[in-house]
C-alpha atoms as a PDB file:
ATOM      1  CA  LYS A   1      42.195 -53.876 -85.465  1.00  0.00           C
ATOM      2  CA  VAL A   2      43.910 -54.976 -88.587  1.00  0.00           C
ATOM      3  CA  ALA A   3      41.800 -56.076 -91.076  1.00  0.00           C
ATOM      4  CA  PRO A   4      42.399 -57.606 -93.797  1.00  0.00           C
ATOM      5  CA  CYS A   5      45.444 -58.914 -91.919  1.00  0.00           C
ATOM      6  CA  ASN A   6      47.451 -60.312 -95.068  1.00  0.00           C
ATOM      7  CA  TYR A   7      50.347 -59.410 -93.146  1.00  0.00           C
ATOM      8  CA  PHE A   8      51.095 -57.451 -90.045  1.00  0.00           C
ATOM      9  CA  LYS A   9      54.697 -56.977 -88.265  1.00  0.00           C
ATOM     10  CA  LYS A  10      55.334 -54.322 -85.596  1.00  0.00           C
ATOM     11  CA  VAL A  11      58.627 -53.960 -83.642  1.00  0.00           C
ATOM     12  CA  PHE A  12      58.556 -52.171 -80.565  1.00  0.00           C
ATOM     13  CA  GLN A  13      62.150 -51.073 -78.444  1.00  0.00           C
ATOM     14  CA  VAL A  14      61.776 -52.133 -74.961  1.00  0.00           C
ATOM     15  CA  PRO A  15      64.424 -50.570 -72.577  1.00  0.00           C
ATOM     16  CA  VAL A  16      65.988 -53.302 -70.241  1.00  0.00           C
ATOM     17  CA  THR A  17      68.717 -53.353 -67.754  1.00  0.00           C
ATOM     18  CA  ALA A  18      71.816 -55.859 -67.273  1.00  0.00           C
ATOM     19  CA  SER A  19      70.705 -59.011 -65.335  1.00  0.00           C
ATOM     20  CA  GLU A  20      67.273 -57.626 -64.314  1.00  0.00           C
ATOM     21  CA  LEU A  21      64.195 -59.455 -65.537  1.00  0.00           C
ATOM     22  CA  ARG A  22      62.044 -58.200 -68.204  1.00  0.00           C
ATOM     23  CA  THR A  23      58.319 -59.146 -68.890  1.00  0.00           C
ATOM     24  CA  VAL A  24      55.715 -58.113 -71.445  1.00  0.00           C
ATOM     25  CA  LYS A  25      52.633 -59.189 -72.008  1.00  0.00           C
ATOM     26  CA  VAL A  26      50.102 -58.607 -74.763  1.00  0.00           C
ATOM     27  CA  LYS A  27      46.734 -59.357 -75.110  1.00  0.00           C
ATOM     28  CA  ILE A  28      45.683 -60.530 -79.126  1.00  0.00           C
ATOM     29  CA  ARG A  29      42.570 -61.546 -80.583  1.00  0.00           C
ATOM     30  CA  ILE A  30      41.846 -62.980 -83.689  1.00  0.00           C
ATOM     31  CA  ASP A  31      38.329 -63.094 -85.324  1.00  0.00           C
ATOM     32  CA  GLY A  32      36.967 -64.920 -88.587  1.00  0.00           C
ATOM     33  CA  THR A  33      38.819 -67.808 -90.640  1.00  0.00           C
ATOM     34  CA  TRP A  34      42.130 -67.462 -89.282  1.00  0.00           C
ATOM     35  CA  GLY A  35      43.632 -70.444 -90.730  1.00  0.00           C
ATOM     36  CA  THR A  36      47.324 -72.208 -89.851  1.00  0.00           C
ATOM     37  CA  TYR A  37      49.035 -69.315 -89.276  1.00  0.00           C
ATOM     38  CA  ARG A  38      48.601 -67.805 -85.873  1.00  0.00           C
ATOM     39  CA  PRO A  39      49.670 -64.154 -84.201  1.00  0.00           C
ATOM     40  CA  ARG A  40      52.945 -64.526 -82.428  1.00  0.00           C
ATOM     41  CA  VAL A  41      54.741 -62.032 -80.004  1.00  0.00           C
ATOM     42  CA  SER A  42      58.779 -62.503 -79.365  1.00  0.00           C
ATOM     43  CA  LEU A  43      61.270 -60.838 -77.364  1.00  0.00           C
ATOM     44  CA  SER A  44      64.922 -60.521 -77.921  1.00  0.00           C
ATOM     45  CA  GLY A  45      68.490 -58.866 -78.072  1.00  0.00           C
ATOM     46  CA  GLN A  46      70.807 -57.530 -75.494  1.00  0.00           C
ATOM     47  CA  GLY A  47      72.065 -61.073 -74.949  1.00  0.00           C
ATOM     48  CA  MET A  48      68.393 -62.384 -74.156  1.00  0.00           C
ATOM     49  CA  THR A  49      67.481 -66.152 -75.175  1.00  0.00           C
ATOM     50  CA  LEU A  50      64.567 -65.491 -77.607  1.00  0.00           C
ATOM     51  CA  SER A  51      61.344 -66.042 -76.003  1.00  0.00           C
ATOM     52  CA  GLN A  52      58.049 -66.442 -78.163  1.00  0.00           C
ATOM     53  CA  ALA A  53      54.359 -66.853 -77.643  1.00  0.00           C
ATOM     54  CA  THR A  54      51.669 -67.914 -79.894  1.00  0.00           C
ATOM     55  CA  LYS A  55      48.003 -67.232 -79.954  1.00  0.00           C
ATOM     56  CA  ASN A  56      45.748 -70.267 -79.703  1.00  0.00           C
ATOM     57  CA  THR A  57      43.033 -70.895 -82.213  1.00  0.00           C
ATOM     58  CA  THR A  58      40.179 -69.673 -80.243  1.00  0.00           C
ATOM     59  CA  THR A  59      38.782 -66.909 -81.805  1.00  0.00           C
ATOM     60  CA  GLY A  60      36.810 -63.645 -80.765  1.00  0.00           C
ATOM     61  CA  SER A  61      38.494 -63.389 -77.254  1.00  0.00           C
ATOM     62  CA  PHE A  62      41.154 -61.673 -76.151  1.00  0.00           C
ATOM     63  CA  GLU A  63      44.106 -63.947 -75.113  1.00  0.00           C
ATOM     64  CA  GLU A  64      47.359 -62.521 -72.710  1.00  0.00           C
ATOM     65  CA  LEU A  65      50.736 -63.430 -73.899  1.00  0.00           C
ATOM     66  CA  THR A  66      53.616 -63.416 -72.204  1.00  0.00           C
ATOM     67  CA  VAL A  67      57.238 -63.494 -73.278  1.00  0.00           C
ATOM     68  CA  SER A  68      60.191 -62.463 -70.849  1.00  0.00           C
ATOM     69  CA  GLY A  69      64.141 -62.685 -70.540  1.00  0.00           C
ATOM     70  CA  THR A  70      67.148 -61.419 -68.731  1.00  0.00           C
ATOM     71  CA  PRO A  71      69.602 -59.209 -70.923  1.00  0.00           C
ATOM     72  CA  THR A  72      73.116 -59.510 -70.538  1.00  0.00           C
ATOM     73  CA  THR A  73      73.578 -56.165 -71.182  1.00  0.00           C
ATOM     74  CA  THR A  74      71.777 -52.437 -70.539  1.00  0.00           C
ATOM     75  CA  GLY A  75      69.922 -51.280 -73.479  1.00  0.00           C
ATOM     76  CA  ILE A  76      67.046 -51.772 -76.095  1.00  0.00           C
ATOM     77  CA  ALA A  77      65.174 -55.332 -76.566  1.00  0.00           C
ATOM     78  CA  LEU A  78      62.775 -56.263 -78.999  1.00  0.00           C
ATOM     79  CA  LEU A  79      59.244 -56.870 -78.828  1.00  0.00           C
ATOM     80  CA  THR A  80      57.945 -58.189 -82.173  1.00  0.00           C
ATOM     81  CA  ILE A  81      54.083 -59.125 -83.100  1.00  0.00           C
ATOM     82  CA  GLU A  82      53.508 -60.798 -86.236  1.00  0.00           C
ATOM     83  CA  ALA A  83      50.534 -61.741 -87.440  1.00  0.00           C
ATOM     84  CA  HIS A  84      49.597 -63.311 -91.167  1.00  0.00           C
ATOM     85  CA  SER A  85      46.104 -64.680 -92.456  1.00  0.00           C
ATOM     86  CA  ALA A  86      45.061 -65.608 -96.182  1.00  0.00           C
ATOM     87  CA  SER A  87      41.185 -65.256 -95.358  1.00  0.00           C
ATOM     88  CA  THR A  88      40.042 -61.973 -96.218  1.00  0.00           C
ATOM     89  CA  ASP A  89      37.402 -61.494 -93.567  1.00  0.00           C
ATOM     90  CA  ALA A  90      40.058 -62.261 -90.566  1.00  0.00           C
ATOM     91  CA  ALA A  91      40.662 -59.519 -88.532  1.00  0.00           C
ATOM     92  CA  PHE A  92      43.491 -59.433 -85.722  1.00  0.00           C
ATOM     93  CA  TYR A  93      43.046 -56.827 -82.604  1.00  0.00           C
ATOM     94  CA  ILE A  94      46.026 -56.023 -79.890  1.00  0.00           C
ATOM     95  CA  ASP A  95      44.218 -54.674 -76.857  1.00  0.00           C
ATOM     96  CA  THR A  96      46.880 -53.973 -73.976  1.00  0.00           C
ATOM     97  CA  ILE A  97      50.746 -54.291 -74.016  1.00  0.00           C
ATOM     98  CA  THR A  98      52.534 -54.445 -70.363  1.00  0.00           C
ATOM     99  CA  ILE A  99      55.854 -54.053 -69.695  1.00  0.00           C
ATOM    100  CA  GLU A 100      57.130 -55.106 -66.129  1.00  0.00           C
END
């Protein structure tokens, strides 16, 4: 839980193998009066095309966001989770991150 969520950005390293699809699923929830900037998840690096998913506007329930890509080289890709809200009563939750 992140509250109040003025600005949150976390980058995770995801090992990848060249030419093998990597899929990452992240369960996110927002509460309160969130505002216009919704939490976003992105996957990039190692020659992958940037993949992004944005949380819908529903508050109070988890949504699973999925990003994926096929790297051109073996190494470490970057999973970035960002959230921002100017509302002082807003809260942001990350439940589960699944790497496939």
